[in-house]
Amino acid sequence: MSDDSFELYDLKVEVVCPPGERILCGAKEGDYFTLQGEMLYLPPGQGISFYSLSAVLPLLAAKQRKTHKHDWISSDGACPDQIASRY
C-alpha cells in the first residue's frame, strides 16, 4: 500500500451477555450486525435498539483500523446502560 492508503476491516458486532446477567435493551444473546466498509447490515427480521446503536457507532470507525496493542479501544465494548445492566 502507498503511504496515503489504508485498509478497513469488516466487522461483526455480536451481543454477548455475562453468565447470570440479563439484557434489557431488547437484544438477545447472539444478535449481531456486520459492518462492511461503510455499510451496516442486520440479519433479516432482527432489529437493534437505537440507543445501543448510537452508543457503539463512534467506536466502529476506530475498530475498522489497525490499532496499537495497548490502545484501550482494542478491548471489548460494554452495555451503554450500566444502571439497567445491574438489575
N, C-alpha and C. Protein backbone atom coordinates (compact mmCIF):
# COMPACT_ATOMS: atom_id res chain seq x y z
N MET A 1 0.85 -1.19 0.00
CA MET A 1 0.00 0.00 0.00
C MET A 1 0.89 1.24 0.00
N SER A 2 0.42 2.28 -0.65
CA SER A 2 1.17 3.53 -0.64
C SER A 2 0.97 4.24 0.69
N ASP A 3 1.74 5.27 0.94
CA ASP A 3 1.69 5.99 2.22
C ASP A 3 0.35 6.63 2.51
N ASP A 4 -0.43 6.96 1.49
CA ASP A 4 -1.71 7.63 1.72
C ASP A 4 -2.90 6.66 1.67
N SER A 5 -2.65 5.38 1.68
CA SER A 5 -3.75 4.41 1.65
C SER A 5 -3.90 3.75 3.02
N PHE A 6 -5.05 3.14 3.22
CA PHE A 6 -5.30 2.43 4.47
C PHE A 6 -6.29 1.32 4.20
N GLU A 7 -6.36 0.39 5.12
CA GLU A 7 -7.25 -0.75 4.99
C GLU A 7 -8.34 -0.66 6.05
N LEU A 8 -9.58 -0.94 5.65
CA LEU A 8 -10.68 -1.02 6.61
C LEU A 8 -11.04 -2.49 6.81
N TYR A 9 -11.17 -2.88 8.07
CA TYR A 9 -11.61 -4.23 8.38
C TYR A 9 -13.13 -4.28 8.33
N ASP A 10 -13.68 -5.39 7.85
CA ASP A 10 -15.10 -5.65 8.01
C ASP A 10 -15.30 -6.18 9.43
N LEU A 11 -16.40 -5.79 10.06
CA LEU A 11 -16.64 -6.15 11.46
C LEU A 11 -17.93 -6.95 11.61
N LYS A 12 -17.94 -7.82 12.59
CA LYS A 12 -19.17 -8.46 13.07
C LYS A 12 -19.27 -8.09 14.54
N VAL A 13 -20.34 -7.41 14.91
CA VAL A 13 -20.56 -6.98 16.29
C VAL A 13 -21.68 -7.84 16.86
N GLU A 14 -21.36 -8.60 17.91
CA GLU A 14 -22.29 -9.60 18.45
C GLU A 14 -22.59 -9.33 19.91
N VAL A 15 -23.84 -9.56 20.30
CA VAL A 15 -24.26 -9.42 21.70
C VAL A 15 -23.77 -10.63 22.48
N VAL A 16 -23.01 -10.35 23.54
CA VAL A 16 -22.52 -11.38 24.45
C VAL A 16 -22.91 -10.94 25.85
N CYS A 17 -23.59 -11.80 26.57
CA CYS A 17 -24.06 -11.46 27.91
C CYS A 17 -23.33 -12.31 28.94
N PRO A 18 -22.76 -11.67 29.98
CA PRO A 18 -22.10 -12.46 31.03
C PRO A 18 -23.08 -13.44 31.68
N PRO A 19 -22.63 -14.62 32.06
CA PRO A 19 -23.50 -15.61 32.70
C PRO A 19 -24.22 -15.01 33.92
N GLY A 20 -25.51 -15.26 34.01
CA GLY A 20 -26.30 -14.79 35.14
C GLY A 20 -26.82 -13.37 35.00
N GLU A 21 -26.46 -12.67 33.94
CA GLU A 21 -26.92 -11.29 33.73
C GLU A 21 -28.08 -11.28 32.74
N ARG A 22 -28.86 -10.18 32.75
CA ARG A 22 -29.98 -10.02 31.82
C ARG A 22 -29.65 -8.93 30.82
N ILE A 23 -30.29 -9.00 29.66
CA ILE A 23 -30.17 -7.96 28.65
C ILE A 23 -31.48 -7.20 28.64
N LEU A 24 -31.44 -5.89 28.84
CA LEU A 24 -32.66 -5.10 28.96
C LEU A 24 -32.90 -4.15 27.79
N CYS A 25 -32.12 -4.23 26.74
CA CYS A 25 -32.27 -3.29 25.63
C CYS A 25 -33.00 -3.91 24.45
N GLY A 26 -33.64 -5.06 24.66
CA GLY A 26 -34.38 -5.71 23.58
C GLY A 26 -33.53 -6.66 22.75
N ALA A 27 -32.25 -6.72 23.01
CA ALA A 27 -31.37 -7.63 22.27
C ALA A 27 -31.41 -9.02 22.90
N LYS A 28 -30.92 -9.98 22.15
CA LYS A 28 -30.80 -11.35 22.64
C LYS A 28 -29.35 -11.80 22.45
N GLU A 29 -28.91 -12.67 23.32
CA GLU A 29 -27.57 -13.27 23.17
C GLU A 29 -27.42 -13.79 21.75
N GLY A 30 -26.34 -13.42 21.09
CA GLY A 30 -26.09 -13.87 19.72
C GLY A 30 -26.58 -12.93 18.65
N ASP A 31 -27.43 -11.94 18.99
CA ASP A 31 -27.81 -10.93 18.00
C ASP A 31 -26.53 -10.27 17.48
N TYR A 32 -26.54 -9.85 16.23
CA TYR A 32 -25.34 -9.24 15.67
C TYR A 32 -25.70 -8.33 14.51
N PHE A 33 -24.73 -7.53 14.13
CA PHE A 33 -24.78 -6.83 12.86
C PHE A 33 -23.39 -6.86 12.27
N THR A 34 -23.30 -6.66 10.96
CA THR A 34 -22.00 -6.60 10.32
C THR A 34 -21.79 -5.21 9.74
N LEU A 35 -20.55 -4.83 9.65
CA LEU A 35 -20.16 -3.56 9.05
C LEU A 35 -19.17 -3.90 7.95
N GLN A 36 -19.57 -3.64 6.71
CA GLN A 36 -18.72 -3.91 5.55
C GLN A 36 -18.43 -2.58 4.89
N GLY A 37 -17.19 -2.11 5.06
CA GLY A 37 -16.86 -0.76 4.62
C GLY A 37 -17.67 0.22 5.44
N GLU A 38 -18.48 1.02 4.77
CA GLU A 38 -19.33 1.98 5.49
C GLU A 38 -20.77 1.51 5.65
N MET A 39 -21.07 0.30 5.19
CA MET A 39 -22.44 -0.20 5.20
C MET A 39 -22.69 -1.13 6.39
N LEU A 40 -23.76 -0.86 7.14
CA LEU A 40 -24.15 -1.66 8.29
C LEU A 40 -25.31 -2.56 7.88
N TYR A 41 -25.20 -3.86 8.19
CA TYR A 41 -26.22 -4.83 7.82
C TYR A 41 -26.71 -5.60 9.04
N LEU A 42 -28.03 -5.75 9.14
CA LEU A 42 -28.65 -6.60 10.16
C LEU A 42 -29.20 -7.84 9.46
N PRO A 43 -29.23 -8.98 10.15
CA PRO A 43 -29.88 -10.15 9.57
C PRO A 43 -31.37 -9.87 9.37
N PRO A 44 -32.00 -10.52 8.40
CA PRO A 44 -33.43 -10.32 8.18
C PRO A 44 -34.24 -10.56 9.45
N GLY A 45 -35.16 -9.66 9.75
CA GLY A 45 -36.05 -9.80 10.89
C GLY A 45 -35.47 -9.39 12.23
N GLN A 46 -34.20 -9.02 12.27
CA GLN A 46 -33.58 -8.62 13.54
C GLN A 46 -33.50 -7.11 13.62
N GLY A 47 -33.88 -6.55 14.76
CA GLY A 47 -33.76 -5.12 14.98
C GLY A 47 -32.61 -4.82 15.92
N ILE A 48 -32.42 -3.53 16.18
CA ILE A 48 -31.40 -3.10 17.13
C ILE A 48 -31.90 -1.84 17.82
N SER A 49 -31.65 -1.74 19.10
CA SER A 49 -32.04 -0.55 19.87
C SER A 49 -31.31 0.67 19.33
N PHE A 50 -32.05 1.73 19.07
CA PHE A 50 -31.47 2.99 18.61
C PHE A 50 -30.42 3.49 19.60
N TYR A 51 -30.69 3.33 20.89
CA TYR A 51 -29.77 3.81 21.92
C TYR A 51 -28.50 2.97 21.97
N SER A 52 -28.64 1.67 21.82
CA SER A 52 -27.46 0.81 21.78
C SER A 52 -26.61 1.12 20.55
N LEU A 53 -27.26 1.30 19.42
CA LEU A 53 -26.54 1.62 18.19
C LEU A 53 -25.82 2.96 18.30
N SER A 54 -26.49 3.96 18.87
CA SER A 54 -25.85 5.28 18.99
C SER A 54 -24.65 5.24 19.93
N ALA A 55 -24.65 4.32 20.90
CA ALA A 55 -23.52 4.20 21.82
C ALA A 55 -22.31 3.56 21.15
N VAL A 56 -22.54 2.63 20.23
CA VAL A 56 -21.43 1.90 19.62
C VAL A 56 -20.91 2.56 18.34
N LEU A 57 -21.72 3.38 17.68
CA LEU A 57 -21.30 3.97 16.41
C LEU A 57 -19.95 4.69 16.46
N PRO A 58 -19.66 5.51 17.47
CA PRO A 58 -18.36 6.20 17.47
C PRO A 58 -17.16 5.25 17.56
N LEU A 59 -17.36 4.06 18.08
CA LEU A 59 -16.26 3.10 18.22
C LEU A 59 -15.97 2.34 16.94
N LEU A 60 -16.96 2.22 16.07
CA LEU A 60 -16.82 1.34 14.91
C LEU A 60 -15.74 1.79 13.94
N ALA A 61 -15.66 3.08 13.66
CA ALA A 61 -14.64 3.56 12.73
C ALA A 61 -13.24 3.25 13.25
N ALA A 62 -13.04 3.37 14.55
CA ALA A 62 -11.73 3.05 15.12
C ALA A 62 -11.47 1.55 15.07
N LYS A 63 -12.49 0.74 15.29
CA LYS A 63 -12.33 -0.71 15.27
C LYS A 63 -12.05 -1.24 13.86
N GLN A 64 -12.37 -0.47 12.84
CA GLN A 64 -12.14 -0.91 11.46
C GLN A 64 -10.69 -0.74 11.03
N ARG A 65 -9.87 -0.14 11.87
CA ARG A 65 -8.48 0.13 11.52
C ARG A 65 -7.54 -0.58 12.49
N LYS A 66 -6.33 -0.78 12.06
CA LYS A 66 -5.31 -1.36 12.94
C LYS A 66 -5.04 -0.39 14.08
N THR A 67 -5.00 -0.90 15.31
CA THR A 67 -4.71 -0.07 16.48
C THR A 67 -3.48 -0.62 17.20
N HIS A 68 -2.90 0.20 18.02
CA HIS A 68 -1.77 -0.23 18.84
C HIS A 68 -2.28 -1.24 19.87
N LYS A 69 -1.47 -2.22 20.20
CA LYS A 69 -1.92 -3.28 21.12
C LYS A 69 -2.29 -2.76 22.50
N HIS A 70 -1.79 -1.59 22.90
CA HIS A 70 -2.11 -1.03 24.21
C HIS A 70 -3.20 0.04 24.15
N ASP A 71 -3.78 0.25 22.97
CA ASP A 71 -4.87 1.23 22.83
C ASP A 71 -6.12 0.67 23.50
N TRP A 72 -6.77 1.46 24.34
CA TRP A 72 -7.95 0.99 25.08
C TRP A 72 -9.06 0.56 24.14
N ILE A 73 -9.12 1.11 22.95
CA ILE A 73 -10.21 0.80 22.03
C ILE A 73 -10.10 -0.63 21.49
N SER A 74 -8.95 -1.26 21.70
CA SER A 74 -8.75 -2.62 21.19
C SER A 74 -9.47 -3.68 22.01
N SER A 75 -9.99 -3.33 23.18
CA SER A 75 -10.69 -4.31 24.02
C SER A 75 -12.18 -4.33 23.69
N ASP A 76 -12.92 -5.17 24.38
CA ASP A 76 -14.36 -5.31 24.15
C ASP A 76 -15.11 -4.07 24.60
N GLY A 77 -16.29 -3.86 24.02
CA GLY A 77 -17.19 -2.79 24.45
C GLY A 77 -18.12 -3.33 25.53
N ALA A 78 -18.95 -2.46 26.07
CA ALA A 78 -19.88 -2.87 27.12
C ALA A 78 -21.22 -2.19 26.91
N CYS A 79 -22.24 -2.68 27.60
CA CYS A 79 -23.58 -2.11 27.51
C CYS A 79 -23.55 -0.63 27.87
N PRO A 80 -24.20 0.22 27.08
CA PRO A 80 -24.19 1.65 27.39
C PRO A 80 -25.06 2.01 28.59
N ASP A 81 -25.96 1.12 28.99
CA ASP A 81 -26.86 1.39 30.12
C ASP A 81 -26.39 0.61 31.33
N GLN A 82 -25.38 1.13 32.01
CA GLN A 82 -24.78 0.42 33.14
C GLN A 82 -25.75 0.27 34.31
N ILE A 83 -26.67 1.22 34.51
CA ILE A 83 -27.64 1.11 35.61
C ILE A 83 -28.59 -0.05 35.35
N ALA A 84 -29.16 -0.10 34.14
CA ALA A 84 -30.09 -1.18 33.81
C ALA A 84 -29.39 -2.53 33.82
N SER A 85 -28.11 -2.54 33.53
CA SER A 85 -27.38 -3.80 33.49
C SER A 85 -27.24 -4.43 34.87
N ARG A 86 -27.48 -3.67 35.92
CA ARG A 86 -27.33 -4.20 37.28
C ARG A 86 -28.57 -4.92 37.77
N TYR A 87 -29.70 -4.79 37.07
CA TYR A 87 -30.95 -5.38 37.55
C TYR A 87 -31.23 -6.72 36.92
